[in-house]
C-alpha atoms as a PDB file:
ATOM      1  CA  UNK A   1      13.687  34.756 -36.655  1.00  0.00           C
ATOM      2  CA  UNK A   2      14.962  34.563 -40.249  1.00  0.00           C
ATOM      3  CA  UNK A   3      12.517  33.671 -43.183  1.00  0.00           C
ATOM      4  CA  UNK A   4      14.121  32.505 -46.482  1.00  0.00           C
ATOM      5  CA  UNK A   5      13.804  29.905 -49.278  1.00  0.00           C
ATOM      6  CA  UNK A   6      14.105  26.249 -48.033  1.00  0.00           C
ATOM      7  CA  UNK A   7      15.798  25.002 -51.143  1.00  0.00           C
ATOM      8  CA  UNK A   8      19.434  24.598 -50.563  1.00  0.00           C
ATOM      9  CA  UNK A   9      19.339  23.637 -46.727  1.00  0.00           C
ATOM     10  CA  UNK A  10      19.266  19.850 -47.233  1.00  0.00           C
ATOM     11  CA  UNK A  11      21.978  19.705 -44.511  1.00  0.00           C
ATOM     12  CA  UNK A  12      19.650  20.327 -41.716  1.00  0.00           C
ATOM     13  CA  UNK A  13      17.853  16.872 -41.684  1.00  0.00           C
ATOM     14  CA  UNK A  14      18.731  13.631 -43.225  1.00  0.00           C
ATOM     15  CA  UNK A  15      16.516  12.752 -46.139  1.00  0.00           C
ATOM     16  CA  UNK A  16      15.001  16.136 -46.440  1.00  0.00           C
ATOM     17  CA  UNK A  17      15.288  17.673 -49.750  1.00  0.00           C
ATOM     18  CA  UNK A  18      13.174  20.848 -50.072  1.00  0.00           C
ATOM     19  CA  UNK A  19      12.326  22.052 -53.619  1.00  0.00           C
ATOM     20  CA  UNK A  20       9.672  24.555 -52.477  1.00  0.00           C
ATOM     21  CA  UNK A  21       8.498  26.524 -49.457  1.00  0.00           C
ATOM     22  CA  UNK A  22      10.292  28.697 -46.968  1.00  0.00           C
ATOM     23  CA  UNK A  23      12.477  28.058 -44.089  1.00  0.00           C
ATOM     24  CA  UNK A  24      12.015  29.837 -40.797  1.00  0.00           C
ATOM     25  CA  UNK A  25      15.427  29.785 -38.783  1.00  0.00           C
ATOM     26  CA  UNK A  26      15.988  30.716 -35.342  1.00  0.00           C
ATOM     27  CA  UNK A  27      17.457  34.256 -35.151  1.00  0.00           C
ATOM     28  CA  UNK A  28      18.345  35.431 -31.490  1.00  0.00           C
ATOM     29  CA  UNK A  29      19.469  32.950 -28.874  1.00  0.00           C
ATOM     30  CA  UNK A  30      16.923  30.789 -27.186  1.00  0.00           C
ATOM     31  CA  UNK A  31      17.152  27.813 -24.963  1.00  0.00           C
ATOM     32  CA  UNK A  32      14.809  26.037 -27.627  1.00  0.00           C
ATOM     33  CA  UNK A  33      15.539  26.656 -31.337  1.00  0.00           C
ATOM     34  CA  UNK A  34      13.962  25.179 -34.280  1.00  0.00           C
ATOM     35  CA  UNK A  35      13.985  25.239 -37.974  1.00  0.00           C
ATOM     36  CA  UNK A  36      10.513  25.319 -39.537  1.00  0.00           C
ATOM     37  CA  UNK A  37       9.689  24.389 -43.239  1.00  0.00           C
ATOM     38  CA  UNK A  38       6.659  26.464 -44.404  1.00  0.00           C
ATOM     39  CA  UNK A  39       4.668  25.372 -47.394  1.00  0.00           C
ATOM     40  CA  UNK A  40       1.949  27.614 -48.868  1.00  0.00           C
ATOM     41  CA  UNK A  41      -0.560  26.125 -51.449  1.00  0.00           C
ATOM     42  CA  UNK A  42      -3.385  28.174 -52.960  1.00  0.00           C
ATOM     43  CA  UNK A  43      -6.653  26.218 -52.788  1.00  0.00           C
ATOM     44  CA  UNK A  44      -9.049  28.742 -54.331  1.00  0.00           C
ATOM     45  CA  UNK A  45      -9.082  32.487 -55.080  1.00  0.00           C
ATOM     46  CA  UNK A  46      -9.547  33.326 -51.370  1.00  0.00           C
ATOM     47  CA  UNK A  47      -8.214  30.160 -49.689  1.00  0.00           C
ATOM     48  CA  UNK A  48      -4.777  29.110 -48.915  1.00  0.00           C
ATOM     49  CA  UNK A  49      -3.453  26.166 -47.182  1.00  0.00           C
ATOM     50  CA  UNK A  50      -0.288  26.775 -44.975  1.00  0.00           C
ATOM     51  CA  UNK A  51       1.798  23.645 -43.689  1.00  0.00           C
ATOM     52  CA  UNK A  52       4.283  24.189 -40.822  1.00  0.00           C
ATOM     53  CA  UNK A  53       6.661  21.321 -40.045  1.00  0.00           C
ATOM     54  CA  UNK A  54       9.682  21.352 -37.841  1.00  0.00           C
ATOM     55  CA  UNK A  55      12.793  20.148 -39.628  1.00  0.00           C
ATOM     56  CA  UNK A  56      15.247  20.320 -36.730  1.00  0.00           C
ATOM     57  CA  UNK A  57      14.646  21.138 -33.096  1.00  0.00           C
ATOM     58  CA  UNK A  58      17.311  21.632 -30.441  1.00  0.00           C
ATOM     59  CA  UNK A  59      17.715  22.593 -26.789  1.00  0.00           C
ATOM     60  CA  UNK A  60      20.640  23.784 -24.765  1.00  0.00           C
ATOM     61  CA  UNK A  61      22.455  20.912 -23.252  1.00  0.00           C
ATOM     62  CA  UNK A  62      25.332  22.721 -21.577  1.00  0.00           C
ATOM     63  CA  UNK A  63      27.617  25.718 -21.651  1.00  0.00           C
ATOM     64  CA  UNK A  64      31.220  26.697 -21.115  1.00  0.00           C
ATOM     65  CA  UNK A  65      33.161  29.911 -21.107  1.00  0.00           C
ATOM     66  CA  UNK A  66      33.716  31.147 -24.655  1.00  0.00           C
ATOM     67  CA  UNK A  67      37.178  31.761 -26.317  1.00  0.00           C
ATOM     68  CA  UNK A  68      36.538  35.376 -26.793  1.00  0.00           C
ATOM     69  CA  UNK A  69      34.386  35.955 -23.642  1.00  0.00           C
ATOM     70  CA  UNK A  70      30.861  35.203 -22.890  1.00  0.00           C
ATOM     71  CA  UNK A  71      29.533  31.804 -22.992  1.00  0.00           C
ATOM     72  CA  UNK A  72      29.579  28.930 -25.649  1.00  0.00           C
ATOM     73  CA  UNK A  73      26.393  27.034 -25.526  1.00  0.00           C
ATOM     74  CA  UNK A  74      26.069  23.326 -26.526  1.00  0.00           C
ATOM     75  CA  UNK A  75      22.826  22.114 -28.300  1.00  0.00           C
ATOM     76  CA  UNK A  76      21.366  18.644 -28.414  1.00  0.00           C
ATOM     77  CA  UNK A  77      18.790  17.487 -31.042  1.00  0.00           C
ATOM     78  CA  UNK A  78      15.385  16.844 -29.400  1.00  0.00           C
ATOM     79  CA  UNK A  79      11.798  15.882 -30.613  1.00  0.00           C
ATOM     80  CA  UNK A  80       9.858  18.755 -32.205  1.00  0.00           C
ATOM     81  CA  UNK A  81       7.279  20.523 -29.962  1.00  0.00           C
ATOM     82  CA  UNK A  82       3.979  20.686 -31.739  1.00  0.00           C
ATOM     83  CA  UNK A  83       2.833  23.859 -29.851  1.00  0.00           C
ATOM     84  CA  UNK A  84       5.702  25.710 -31.416  1.00  0.00           C
ATOM     85  CA  UNK A  85       4.547  24.860 -35.035  1.00  0.00           C
ATOM     86  CA  UNK A  86       1.061  25.972 -33.807  1.00  0.00           C
ATOM     87  CA  UNK A  87       2.579  29.282 -32.725  1.00  0.00           C
ATOM     88  CA  UNK A  88       4.057  29.765 -36.150  1.00  0.00           C
ATOM     89  CA  UNK A  89       0.715  28.880 -37.849  1.00  0.00           C
ATOM     90  CA  UNK A  90      -1.101  31.301 -35.685  1.00  0.00           C
ATOM     91  CA  UNK A  91       1.524  34.111 -36.340  1.00  0.00           C
ATOM     92  CA  UNK A  92       1.003  33.580 -40.128  1.00  0.00           C
ATOM     93  CA  UNK A  93      -2.695  33.639 -39.684  1.00  0.00           C
ATOM     94  CA  UNK A  94      -2.544  36.884 -37.784  1.00  0.00           C
ATOM     95  CA  UNK A  95      -0.410  38.467 -40.365  1.00  0.00           C
ATOM     96  CA  UNK A  96      -2.642  37.414 -43.254  1.00  0.00           C
ATOM     97  CA  UNK A  97      -5.817  38.681 -41.264  1.00  0.00           C
ATOM     98  CA  UNK A  98      -4.129  41.961 -40.777  1.00  0.00           C
ATOM     99  CA  UNK A  99      -3.331  42.425 -44.574  1.00  0.00           C
ATOM    100  CA  UNK A 100      -6.808  41.350 -45.914  1.00  0.00           C
END
């Protein structure tokens, strides 16, 4: 997965205009791929709130032989899977715990 600034990625979802936070994008191929908006807000000197929200979720809906070999996959927009957001939150929490 790729992590970068969320600003400038308005095209991913209608009505979404990020001005802050991060965008976690799918990297390698997966039958389920999602784009996550991550916002980090300091609450106190030792407390941080992390919010993870799915901006766009897709699943493979078909495939066909590719023009240059291999397969060309087709994706269909689906409802977000809350468990995937929780996995992202857990991974962030684990990283923060390791770097205390």
